[in-house]
Amino acid sequence: MENTSLIVSAFSMLGGVIGFFITTFLVLRQIKENQNWNRKKTSEEMLIQRMTGEFPKLMDTLSLEYGWHVLEHVPYTSLTLANEDLLKVDIVLRNVLRHLEVICINMKHEIIDEGVCHEYLQSILKTFYQMSQDFIERERKLRKEPKIFHELEQYAKRWVIWNPVTKSPINQPSVA
C-alpha cells in the first residue's frame, strides 16, 4: 500500500513538473510571438511616419529644387550646380541619409523588423547609397569619421542579395 501511494505521488509530481514545463514553454512562445508582432507593428508605424513626414519632402527637394533625380539612378558626382546650390544639396542629402541611417541602426538592434523595412525601403535605400557613395566617402574624410552612414552602407550591400521568399539576405553577410 505504501509503495502504491509513493508511486502515485511520484507520478503526480512528475505530471506537475511536465505540466509546468509545457506551460512555461507555451508562455515563452506567446511572449516571443507578441514581441515579433510588436516589432512589426512598430516598424510599420515608424515607416509610415517616415514616408509621410519630412523624409519625402527632403527627397522632393533634391529633385524639384536642385534637379537631382536620385531615384532615377543619377549619381551625386554628375551634379553640375553652383557651389551655393551644391552646399544646399549636401545639407538635404545629409538629412536624407541620416533618416536612413536611423532606420538601419534600429534594424541592427532589432527594434524594428528588417523584413518590413525591406518591403518599404529596399529600392530607396540601395539607390540612395549607390548614387551617394562619393558624397559619403567625402563626408567620412572631411569629418575624419570612417563610420558615418556605416549601417546604411551595410544594409544597402546586404539587401543587394536579399531573398524575398525567406525575407532574409542570401548567405547572410555580417552587418556588424
N, C-alpha and C. Protein backbone atom coordinates (compact mmCIF):
# COMPACT_ATOMS: atom_id res chain seq x y z
N MET A 1 0.80 -1.19 0.00
CA MET A 1 0.00 0.00 0.00
C MET A 1 0.86 1.27 0.00
N GLU A 2 1.91 1.25 0.82
CA GLU A 2 2.79 2.41 0.87
C GLU A 2 3.49 2.62 -0.45
N ASN A 3 3.90 1.53 -1.09
CA ASN A 3 4.56 1.65 -2.40
C ASN A 3 3.63 2.23 -3.44
N THR A 4 2.38 1.83 -3.40
CA THR A 4 1.39 2.36 -4.34
C THR A 4 1.20 3.85 -4.11
N SER A 5 1.15 4.24 -2.87
CA SER A 5 1.00 5.65 -2.53
C SER A 5 2.21 6.46 -2.99
N LEU A 6 3.41 5.90 -2.82
CA LEU A 6 4.63 6.57 -3.29
C LEU A 6 4.66 6.68 -4.81
N ILE A 7 4.25 5.63 -5.48
CA ILE A 7 4.24 5.64 -6.95
C ILE A 7 3.24 6.67 -7.45
N VAL A 8 2.06 6.71 -6.85
CA VAL A 8 1.05 7.69 -7.24
C VAL A 8 1.58 9.11 -6.99
N SER A 9 2.22 9.33 -5.86
CA SER A 9 2.79 10.65 -5.55
C SER A 9 3.88 11.02 -6.54
N ALA A 10 4.73 10.05 -6.89
CA ALA A 10 5.81 10.30 -7.84
C ALA A 10 5.24 10.67 -9.21
N PHE A 11 4.24 9.92 -9.67
CA PHE A 11 3.63 10.24 -10.97
C PHE A 11 2.91 11.59 -10.92
N SER A 12 2.32 11.87 -9.80
CA SER A 12 1.65 13.15 -9.64
C SER A 12 2.65 14.30 -9.72
N MET A 13 3.79 14.13 -9.04
CA MET A 13 4.84 15.15 -9.08
C MET A 13 5.42 15.27 -10.48
N LEU A 14 5.65 14.12 -11.13
CA LEU A 14 6.17 14.12 -12.50
C LEU A 14 5.20 14.83 -13.44
N GLY A 15 3.91 14.54 -13.27
CA GLY A 15 2.90 15.21 -14.09
C GLY A 15 2.90 16.71 -13.86
N GLY A 16 3.06 17.12 -12.59
CA GLY A 16 3.12 18.54 -12.26
C GLY A 16 4.33 19.22 -12.89
N VAL A 17 5.48 18.54 -12.85
CA VAL A 17 6.71 19.09 -13.43
C VAL A 17 6.56 19.20 -14.95
N ILE A 18 6.05 18.14 -15.56
CA ILE A 18 5.85 18.16 -17.02
C ILE A 18 4.86 19.27 -17.39
N GLY A 19 3.78 19.38 -16.63
CA GLY A 19 2.80 20.44 -16.87
C GLY A 19 3.42 21.82 -16.73
N PHE A 20 4.26 21.98 -15.72
CA PHE A 20 4.96 23.26 -15.52
C PHE A 20 5.81 23.60 -16.74
N PHE A 21 6.60 22.63 -17.23
CA PHE A 21 7.46 22.90 -18.38
C PHE A 21 6.66 23.18 -19.64
N ILE A 22 5.57 22.47 -19.84
CA ILE A 22 4.73 22.73 -21.02
C ILE A 22 4.12 24.12 -20.93
N THR A 23 3.60 24.47 -19.76
CA THR A 23 3.02 25.79 -19.56
C THR A 23 4.06 26.89 -19.77
N THR A 24 5.24 26.68 -19.20
CA THR A 24 6.33 27.65 -19.35
C THR A 24 6.70 27.81 -20.81
N PHE A 25 6.83 26.69 -21.52
CA PHE A 25 7.15 26.73 -22.95
C PHE A 25 6.10 27.52 -23.72
N LEU A 26 4.83 27.24 -23.46
CA LEU A 26 3.75 27.94 -24.18
C LEU A 26 3.73 29.43 -23.85
N VAL A 27 3.97 29.78 -22.61
CA VAL A 27 4.00 31.20 -22.21
C VAL A 27 5.17 31.90 -22.90
N LEU A 28 6.35 31.27 -22.90
CA LEU A 28 7.52 31.88 -23.55
C LEU A 28 7.30 32.03 -25.05
N ARG A 29 6.67 31.04 -25.66
CA ARG A 29 6.38 31.12 -27.10
C ARG A 29 5.42 32.27 -27.38
N GLN A 30 4.41 32.43 -26.54
CA GLN A 30 3.45 33.53 -26.71
C GLN A 30 4.14 34.88 -26.54
N ILE A 31 5.03 34.98 -25.58
CA ILE A 31 5.78 36.22 -25.36
C ILE A 31 6.61 36.55 -26.60
N LYS A 32 7.29 35.55 -27.15
CA LYS A 32 8.11 35.77 -28.34
C LYS A 32 7.25 36.20 -29.53
N GLU A 33 6.11 35.54 -29.71
CA GLU A 33 5.20 35.92 -30.80
C GLU A 33 4.71 37.35 -30.63
N ASN A 34 4.40 37.73 -29.40
CA ASN A 34 3.97 39.11 -29.12
C ASN A 34 5.08 40.11 -29.41
N GLN A 35 6.31 39.77 -29.03
CA GLN A 35 7.44 40.65 -29.31
C GLN A 35 7.63 40.81 -30.82
N ASN A 36 7.54 39.72 -31.57
CA ASN A 36 7.67 39.80 -33.02
C ASN A 36 6.56 40.66 -33.62
N TRP A 37 5.33 40.48 -33.16
CA TRP A 37 4.22 41.28 -33.66
C TRP A 37 4.44 42.76 -33.33
N ASN A 38 4.85 43.04 -32.09
CA ASN A 38 5.09 44.43 -31.69
C ASN A 38 6.20 45.06 -32.52
N ARG A 39 7.26 44.30 -32.81
CA ARG A 39 8.36 44.83 -33.62
C ARG A 39 7.86 45.14 -35.04
N LYS A 40 7.03 44.27 -35.59
CA LYS A 40 6.50 44.52 -36.94
C LYS A 40 5.55 45.72 -36.94
N LYS A 41 4.72 45.82 -35.93
CA LYS A 41 3.78 46.94 -35.84
C LYS A 41 4.54 48.25 -35.64
N THR A 42 5.55 48.24 -34.79
CA THR A 42 6.39 49.42 -34.59
C THR A 42 7.08 49.80 -35.89
N SER A 43 7.55 48.80 -36.62
CA SER A 43 8.22 49.05 -37.90
C SER A 43 7.28 49.75 -38.86
N GLU A 44 6.08 49.20 -38.97
CA GLU A 44 5.11 49.78 -39.89
C GLU A 44 4.77 51.22 -39.50
N GLU A 45 4.54 51.46 -38.22
CA GLU A 45 4.19 52.81 -37.75
C GLU A 45 5.33 53.79 -38.02
N MET A 46 6.55 53.36 -37.72
CA MET A 46 7.71 54.23 -37.93
C MET A 46 7.91 54.52 -39.42
N LEU A 47 7.74 53.49 -40.24
CA LEU A 47 7.94 53.68 -41.67
C LEU A 47 6.86 54.56 -42.29
N ILE A 48 5.63 54.40 -41.85
CA ILE A 48 4.56 55.28 -42.34
C ILE A 48 4.86 56.72 -41.95
N GLN A 49 5.32 56.90 -40.72
CA GLN A 49 5.68 58.25 -40.27
C GLN A 49 6.81 58.81 -41.14
N ARG A 50 7.81 58.01 -41.43
CA ARG A 50 8.93 58.46 -42.27
C ARG A 50 8.45 58.76 -43.69
N MET A 51 7.59 57.91 -44.23
CA MET A 51 7.17 58.05 -45.62
C MET A 51 6.15 59.17 -45.82
N THR A 52 5.59 59.68 -44.74
CA THR A 52 4.62 60.78 -44.87
C THR A 52 5.10 62.06 -44.21
N GLY A 53 6.26 62.04 -43.59
CA GLY A 53 6.76 63.20 -42.86
C GLY A 53 7.81 63.97 -43.63
N GLU A 54 8.88 64.29 -42.96
CA GLU A 54 9.94 65.12 -43.51
C GLU A 54 10.73 64.40 -44.61
N PHE A 55 10.88 63.10 -44.49
CA PHE A 55 11.70 62.33 -45.42
C PHE A 55 11.32 62.52 -46.89
N PRO A 56 10.05 62.34 -47.27
CA PRO A 56 9.70 62.55 -48.69
C PRO A 56 9.87 64.00 -49.13
N LYS A 57 9.69 64.92 -48.20
CA LYS A 57 9.89 66.34 -48.55
C LYS A 57 11.36 66.60 -48.89
N LEU A 58 12.26 65.96 -48.13
CA LEU A 58 13.69 66.10 -48.42
C LEU A 58 14.02 65.51 -49.80
N MET A 59 13.45 64.33 -50.08
CA MET A 59 13.71 63.71 -51.39
C MET A 59 13.14 64.58 -52.51
N ASP A 60 11.95 65.13 -52.31
CA ASP A 60 11.34 66.01 -53.32
C ASP A 60 12.18 67.26 -53.52
N THR A 61 12.74 67.80 -52.46
CA THR A 61 13.59 68.99 -52.56
C THR A 61 14.77 68.73 -53.49
N LEU A 62 15.38 67.56 -53.37
CA LEU A 62 16.52 67.24 -54.24
C LEU A 62 16.13 67.28 -55.70
N SER A 63 14.97 66.75 -56.03
CA SER A 63 14.59 66.73 -57.45
C SER A 63 13.93 68.02 -57.93
N LEU A 64 13.03 68.58 -57.11
CA LEU A 64 12.30 69.77 -57.56
C LEU A 64 13.13 71.05 -57.51
N GLU A 65 13.91 71.23 -56.46
CA GLU A 65 14.67 72.47 -56.31
C GLU A 65 16.05 72.41 -56.95
N TYR A 66 16.64 71.22 -56.99
CA TYR A 66 18.03 71.13 -57.48
C TYR A 66 18.19 70.23 -58.70
N GLY A 67 17.08 69.65 -59.17
CA GLY A 67 17.12 68.84 -60.39
C GLY A 67 17.90 67.54 -60.26
N TRP A 68 18.10 67.07 -59.03
CA TRP A 68 18.83 65.81 -58.86
C TRP A 68 17.82 64.69 -58.65
N HIS A 69 17.74 63.81 -59.62
CA HIS A 69 16.79 62.71 -59.62
C HIS A 69 17.50 61.43 -59.17
N VAL A 70 17.73 61.34 -57.88
CA VAL A 70 18.49 60.24 -57.29
C VAL A 70 17.84 58.90 -57.63
N LEU A 71 16.54 58.82 -57.49
CA LEU A 71 15.86 57.54 -57.69
C LEU A 71 15.82 57.11 -59.15
N GLU A 72 16.23 58.00 -60.03
CA GLU A 72 16.40 57.63 -61.44
C GLU A 72 17.84 57.23 -61.71
N HIS A 73 18.58 56.96 -60.65
CA HIS A 73 19.97 56.49 -60.70
C HIS A 73 20.93 57.50 -61.30
N VAL A 74 20.75 58.75 -60.90
CA VAL A 74 21.67 59.81 -61.29
C VAL A 74 22.66 59.99 -60.14
N PRO A 75 23.94 59.73 -60.38
CA PRO A 75 24.91 59.81 -59.28
C PRO A 75 25.19 61.24 -58.83
N TYR A 76 25.57 61.37 -57.58
CA TYR A 76 25.92 62.65 -56.97
C TYR A 76 27.01 63.35 -57.77
N THR A 77 27.97 62.59 -58.26
CA THR A 77 29.11 63.18 -58.97
C THR A 77 28.70 63.81 -60.30
N SER A 78 27.52 63.51 -60.80
CA SER A 78 27.09 64.10 -62.08
C SER A 78 26.44 65.47 -61.90
N LEU A 79 26.26 65.90 -60.65
CA LEU A 79 25.63 67.20 -60.42
C LEU A 79 26.55 68.34 -60.88
N THR A 80 25.96 69.26 -61.62
CA THR A 80 26.71 70.45 -62.06
C THR A 80 25.93 71.67 -61.58
N LEU A 81 26.17 72.01 -60.33
CA LEU A 81 25.47 73.12 -59.70
C LEU A 81 26.48 74.16 -59.22
N ALA A 82 26.00 75.36 -59.02
CA ALA A 82 26.84 76.40 -58.41
C ALA A 82 27.19 75.94 -56.99
N ASN A 83 28.30 76.41 -56.49
CA ASN A 83 28.77 76.00 -55.16
C ASN A 83 27.71 76.19 -54.08
N GLU A 84 27.00 77.30 -54.13
CA GLU A 84 25.97 77.57 -53.12
C GLU A 84 24.86 76.51 -53.18
N ASP A 85 24.43 76.18 -54.40
CA ASP A 85 23.39 75.16 -54.55
C ASP A 85 23.90 73.76 -54.17
N LEU A 86 25.15 73.49 -54.50
CA LEU A 86 25.72 72.19 -54.15
C LEU A 86 25.81 72.06 -52.63
N LEU A 87 26.12 73.14 -51.94
CA LEU A 87 26.15 73.12 -50.48
C LEU A 87 24.75 72.81 -49.93
N LYS A 88 23.72 73.41 -50.54
CA LYS A 88 22.34 73.14 -50.11
C LYS A 88 21.95 71.69 -50.39
N VAL A 89 22.36 71.15 -51.53
CA VAL A 89 22.10 69.75 -51.85
C VAL A 89 22.76 68.86 -50.80
N ASP A 90 24.00 69.20 -50.44
CA ASP A 90 24.72 68.41 -49.43
C ASP A 90 23.96 68.37 -48.10
N ILE A 91 23.39 69.48 -47.71
CA ILE A 91 22.64 69.54 -46.46
C ILE A 91 21.40 68.66 -46.53
N VAL A 92 20.68 68.76 -47.63
CA VAL A 92 19.47 67.95 -47.79
C VAL A 92 19.84 66.47 -47.87
N LEU A 93 20.85 66.15 -48.65
CA LEU A 93 21.28 64.76 -48.80
C LEU A 93 21.73 64.19 -47.45
N ARG A 94 22.48 64.95 -46.70
CA ARG A 94 22.94 64.51 -45.38
C ARG A 94 21.73 64.15 -44.50
N ASN A 95 20.68 64.97 -44.57
CA ASN A 95 19.48 64.69 -43.77
C ASN A 95 18.74 63.44 -44.26
N VAL A 96 18.67 63.24 -45.56
CA VAL A 96 18.06 62.02 -46.10
C VAL A 96 18.83 60.80 -45.60
N LEU A 97 20.14 60.86 -45.71
CA LEU A 97 20.97 59.73 -45.30
C LEU A 97 20.88 59.49 -43.79
N ARG A 98 20.72 60.56 -43.02
CA ARG A 98 20.56 60.40 -41.57
C ARG A 98 19.26 59.64 -41.24
N HIS A 99 18.19 59.98 -41.96
CA HIS A 99 16.92 59.26 -41.76
C HIS A 99 17.13 57.77 -42.04
N LEU A 100 17.78 57.46 -43.14
CA LEU A 100 18.01 56.07 -43.50
C LEU A 100 18.95 55.38 -42.50
N GLU A 101 19.94 56.10 -42.03
CA GLU A 101 20.88 55.54 -41.04
C GLU A 101 20.15 55.18 -39.75
N VAL A 102 19.25 56.03 -39.29
CA VAL A 102 18.49 55.75 -38.07
C VAL A 102 17.66 54.48 -38.24
N ILE A 103 17.04 54.33 -39.37
CA ILE A 103 16.27 53.11 -39.64
C ILE A 103 17.18 51.89 -39.60
N CYS A 104 18.34 52.00 -40.21
CA CYS A 104 19.28 50.87 -40.24
C CYS A 104 19.80 50.52 -38.85
N ILE A 105 20.07 51.52 -38.04
CA ILE A 105 20.51 51.26 -36.67
C ILE A 105 19.41 50.55 -35.89
N ASN A 106 18.18 50.98 -36.08
CA ASN A 106 17.05 50.32 -35.42
C ASN A 106 16.89 48.87 -35.88
N MET A 107 17.13 48.61 -37.16
CA MET A 107 17.07 47.23 -37.65
C MET A 107 18.18 46.40 -37.03
N LYS A 108 19.37 46.96 -36.99
CA LYS A 108 20.53 46.25 -36.44
C LYS A 108 20.26 45.79 -35.01
N HIS A 109 19.62 46.64 -34.23
CA HIS A 109 19.34 46.32 -32.83
C HIS A 109 17.99 45.62 -32.65
N GLU A 110 17.38 45.24 -33.76
CA GLU A 110 16.10 44.51 -33.78
C GLU A 110 14.98 45.24 -33.06
N ILE A 111 15.06 46.57 -33.09
CA ILE A 111 13.97 47.39 -32.56
C ILE A 111 12.83 47.38 -33.57
N ILE A 112 13.19 47.37 -34.84
CA ILE A 112 12.21 47.27 -35.91
C ILE A 112 12.57 46.07 -36.78
N ASP A 113 11.62 45.61 -37.55
CA ASP A 113 11.74 44.38 -38.32
C ASP A 113 12.37 44.64 -39.69
N GLU A 114 13.44 43.92 -39.98
CA GLU A 114 14.15 44.12 -41.24
C GLU A 114 13.28 43.75 -42.45
N GLY A 115 12.51 42.69 -42.34
CA GLY A 115 11.66 42.28 -43.46
C GLY A 115 10.65 43.35 -43.84
N VAL A 116 10.01 43.95 -42.84
CA VAL A 116 9.04 45.02 -43.08
C VAL A 116 9.75 46.21 -43.71
N CYS A 117 10.90 46.58 -43.15
CA CYS A 117 11.65 47.72 -43.67
C CYS A 117 12.10 47.47 -45.11
N HIS A 118 12.50 46.26 -45.39
CA HIS A 118 12.94 45.92 -46.74
C HIS A 118 11.82 46.16 -47.74
N GLU A 119 10.61 45.74 -47.38
CA GLU A 119 9.48 45.93 -48.30
C GLU A 119 9.19 47.40 -48.57
N TYR A 120 9.37 48.25 -47.58
CA TYR A 120 9.13 49.68 -47.74
C TYR A 120 10.29 50.39 -48.44
N LEU A 121 11.52 50.02 -48.09
CA LEU A 121 12.66 50.89 -48.39
C LEU A 121 13.74 50.31 -49.29
N GLN A 122 13.65 49.05 -49.68
CA GLN A 122 14.81 48.45 -50.33
C GLN A 122 15.30 49.24 -51.53
N SER A 123 14.43 49.69 -52.38
CA SER A 123 14.85 50.43 -53.57
C SER A 123 15.43 51.79 -53.19
N ILE A 124 14.75 52.49 -52.30
CA ILE A 124 15.20 53.83 -51.89
C ILE A 124 16.57 53.74 -51.21
N LEU A 125 16.70 52.83 -50.26
CA LEU A 125 17.94 52.72 -49.50
C LEU A 125 19.11 52.35 -50.41
N LYS A 126 18.93 51.32 -51.23
CA LYS A 126 20.02 50.89 -52.12
C LYS A 126 20.38 51.99 -53.11
N THR A 127 19.38 52.63 -53.69
CA THR A 127 19.64 53.65 -54.70
C THR A 127 20.33 54.86 -54.09
N PHE A 128 19.84 55.34 -52.95
CA PHE A 128 20.49 56.49 -52.31
C PHE A 128 21.93 56.17 -51.95
N TYR A 129 22.16 54.97 -51.45
CA TYR A 129 23.54 54.61 -51.11
C TYR A 129 24.40 54.58 -52.38
N GLN A 130 23.94 53.90 -53.40
CA GLN A 130 24.74 53.76 -54.62
C GLN A 130 25.01 55.11 -55.28
N MET A 131 24.01 55.97 -55.33
CA MET A 131 24.16 57.25 -56.01
C MET A 131 24.90 58.29 -55.15
N SER A 132 25.05 57.99 -53.86
CA SER A 132 25.69 58.95 -52.94
C SER A 132 27.02 58.45 -52.38
N GLN A 133 27.55 57.40 -52.91
CA GLN A 133 28.78 56.84 -52.35
C GLN A 133 29.92 57.85 -52.31
N ASP A 134 30.08 58.64 -53.36
CA ASP A 134 31.15 59.64 -53.38
C ASP A 134 30.93 60.70 -52.29
N PHE A 135 29.68 61.11 -52.12
CA PHE A 135 29.35 62.06 -51.06
C PHE A 135 29.69 61.46 -49.69
N ILE A 136 29.30 60.22 -49.46
CA ILE A 136 29.55 59.55 -48.18
C ILE A 136 31.05 59.47 -47.91
N GLU A 137 31.81 59.07 -48.91
CA GLU A 137 33.27 58.98 -48.73
C GLU A 137 33.88 60.35 -48.42
N ARG A 138 33.39 61.38 -49.10
CA ARG A 138 33.88 62.73 -48.83
C ARG A 138 33.54 63.17 -47.41
N GLU A 139 32.31 62.86 -46.97
CA GLU A 139 31.90 63.20 -45.59
C GLU A 139 32.79 62.50 -44.57
N ARG A 140 33.10 61.26 -44.83
CA ARG A 140 33.96 60.50 -43.90
C ARG A 140 35.35 61.13 -43.79
N LYS A 141 35.87 61.55 -44.92
CA LYS A 141 37.20 62.18 -44.91
C LYS A 141 37.16 63.55 -44.25
N LEU A 142 36.16 64.36 -44.61
CA LEU A 142 36.05 65.71 -44.04
C LEU A 142 35.90 65.67 -42.52
N ARG A 143 35.10 64.77 -42.04
CA ARG A 143 34.82 64.70 -40.60
C ARG A 143 35.79 63.78 -39.86
N LYS A 144 36.62 63.09 -40.63
CA LYS A 144 37.54 62.12 -40.03
C LYS A 144 36.78 61.10 -39.19
N GLU A 145 35.66 60.65 -39.76
CA GLU A 145 34.77 59.67 -39.12
C GLU A 145 34.47 58.55 -40.13
N PRO A 146 35.24 57.48 -40.10
CA PRO A 146 35.04 56.41 -41.09
C PRO A 146 33.73 55.65 -40.94
N LYS A 147 33.01 55.85 -39.85
CA LYS A 147 31.76 55.10 -39.60
C LYS A 147 30.50 55.90 -39.95
N ILE A 148 30.65 57.10 -40.48
CA ILE A 148 29.46 57.86 -40.87
C ILE A 148 28.68 57.07 -41.92
N PHE A 149 27.41 56.90 -41.68
CA PHE A 149 26.50 56.17 -42.56
C PHE A 149 26.92 54.71 -42.75
N HIS A 150 27.60 54.17 -41.76
CA HIS A 150 28.10 52.79 -41.84
C HIS A 150 26.95 51.77 -41.91
N GLU A 151 25.94 51.93 -41.06
CA GLU A 151 24.83 50.97 -41.06
C GLU A 151 24.05 51.05 -42.36
N LEU A 152 23.85 52.25 -42.87
CA LEU A 152 23.20 52.43 -44.17
C LEU A 152 23.98 51.66 -45.23
N GLU A 153 25.27 51.81 -45.23
CA GLU A 153 26.12 51.11 -46.21
C GLU A 153 25.98 49.59 -46.05
N GLN A 154 26.01 49.11 -44.81
CA GLN A 154 25.93 47.67 -44.57
C GLN A 154 24.61 47.09 -45.07
N TYR A 155 23.51 47.77 -44.79
CA TYR A 155 22.20 47.27 -45.23
C TYR A 155 22.03 47.41 -46.74
N ALA A 156 22.55 48.45 -47.33
CA ALA A 156 22.46 48.59 -48.79
C ALA A 156 23.18 47.41 -49.46
N LYS A 157 24.35 47.08 -48.95
CA LYS A 157 25.09 45.94 -49.51
C LYS A 157 24.38 44.62 -49.21
N ARG A 158 23.87 44.51 -48.03
CA ARG A 158 23.16 43.30 -47.61
C ARG A 158 21.92 43.06 -48.46
N TRP A 159 21.18 44.12 -48.74
CA TRP A 159 19.92 43.99 -49.47
C TRP A 159 20.12 43.75 -50.96
N VAL A 160 21.30 43.97 -51.45
CA VAL A 160 21.55 43.68 -52.86
C VAL A 160 21.32 42.20 -53.13
N ILE A 161 21.56 41.37 -52.13
CA ILE A 161 21.40 39.92 -52.30
C ILE A 161 20.25 39.38 -51.45
N TRP A 162 19.21 40.16 -51.28
CA TRP A 162 18.05 39.81 -50.45
C TRP A 162 17.21 38.73 -51.12
N ASN A 163 16.75 37.77 -50.33
CA ASN A 163 15.88 36.71 -50.82
C ASN A 163 14.45 37.03 -50.39
N PRO A 164 13.57 37.40 -51.31
CA PRO A 164 12.22 37.79 -50.92
C PRO A 164 11.38 36.63 -50.39
N VAL A 165 11.74 35.39 -50.73
CA VAL A 165 10.99 34.24 -50.26
C VAL A 165 11.22 34.02 -48.77
N THR A 166 12.48 34.02 -48.35
CA THR A 166 12.80 33.80 -46.93
C THR A 166 12.79 35.09 -46.14
N LYS A 167 12.68 36.22 -46.84
CA LYS A 167 12.72 37.55 -46.22
C LYS A 167 13.99 37.75 -45.42
N SER A 168 15.10 37.31 -45.99
CA SER A 168 16.40 37.47 -45.35
C SER A 168 17.47 37.50 -46.44
N PRO A 169 18.66 38.00 -46.08
CA PRO A 169 19.73 38.04 -47.08
C PRO A 169 20.20 36.64 -47.43
N ILE A 170 20.62 36.47 -48.65
CA ILE A 170 21.23 35.22 -49.08
C ILE A 170 22.65 35.20 -48.53
N ASN A 171 23.07 34.13 -47.93
CA ASN A 171 24.41 33.94 -47.36
C ASN A 171 24.66 34.85 -46.17
N GLN A 172 23.71 35.62 -45.72
CA GLN A 172 23.76 36.48 -44.55
C GLN A 172 25.15 37.07 -44.25
N PRO A 173 25.61 38.03 -45.06
CA PRO A 173 26.87 38.70 -44.72
C PRO A 173 26.71 39.47 -43.40
N SER A 174 27.79 39.64 -42.72
CA SER A 174 27.75 40.30 -41.42
C SER A 174 27.36 41.76 -41.55
N VAL A 175 26.49 42.21 -40.66
CA VAL A 175 26.06 43.62 -40.63
C VAL A 175 26.91 44.38 -39.63
N ALA A 176 27.54 43.69 -38.72
CA ALA A 176 28.29 44.34 -37.64
C ALA A 176 29.53 45.03 -38.10
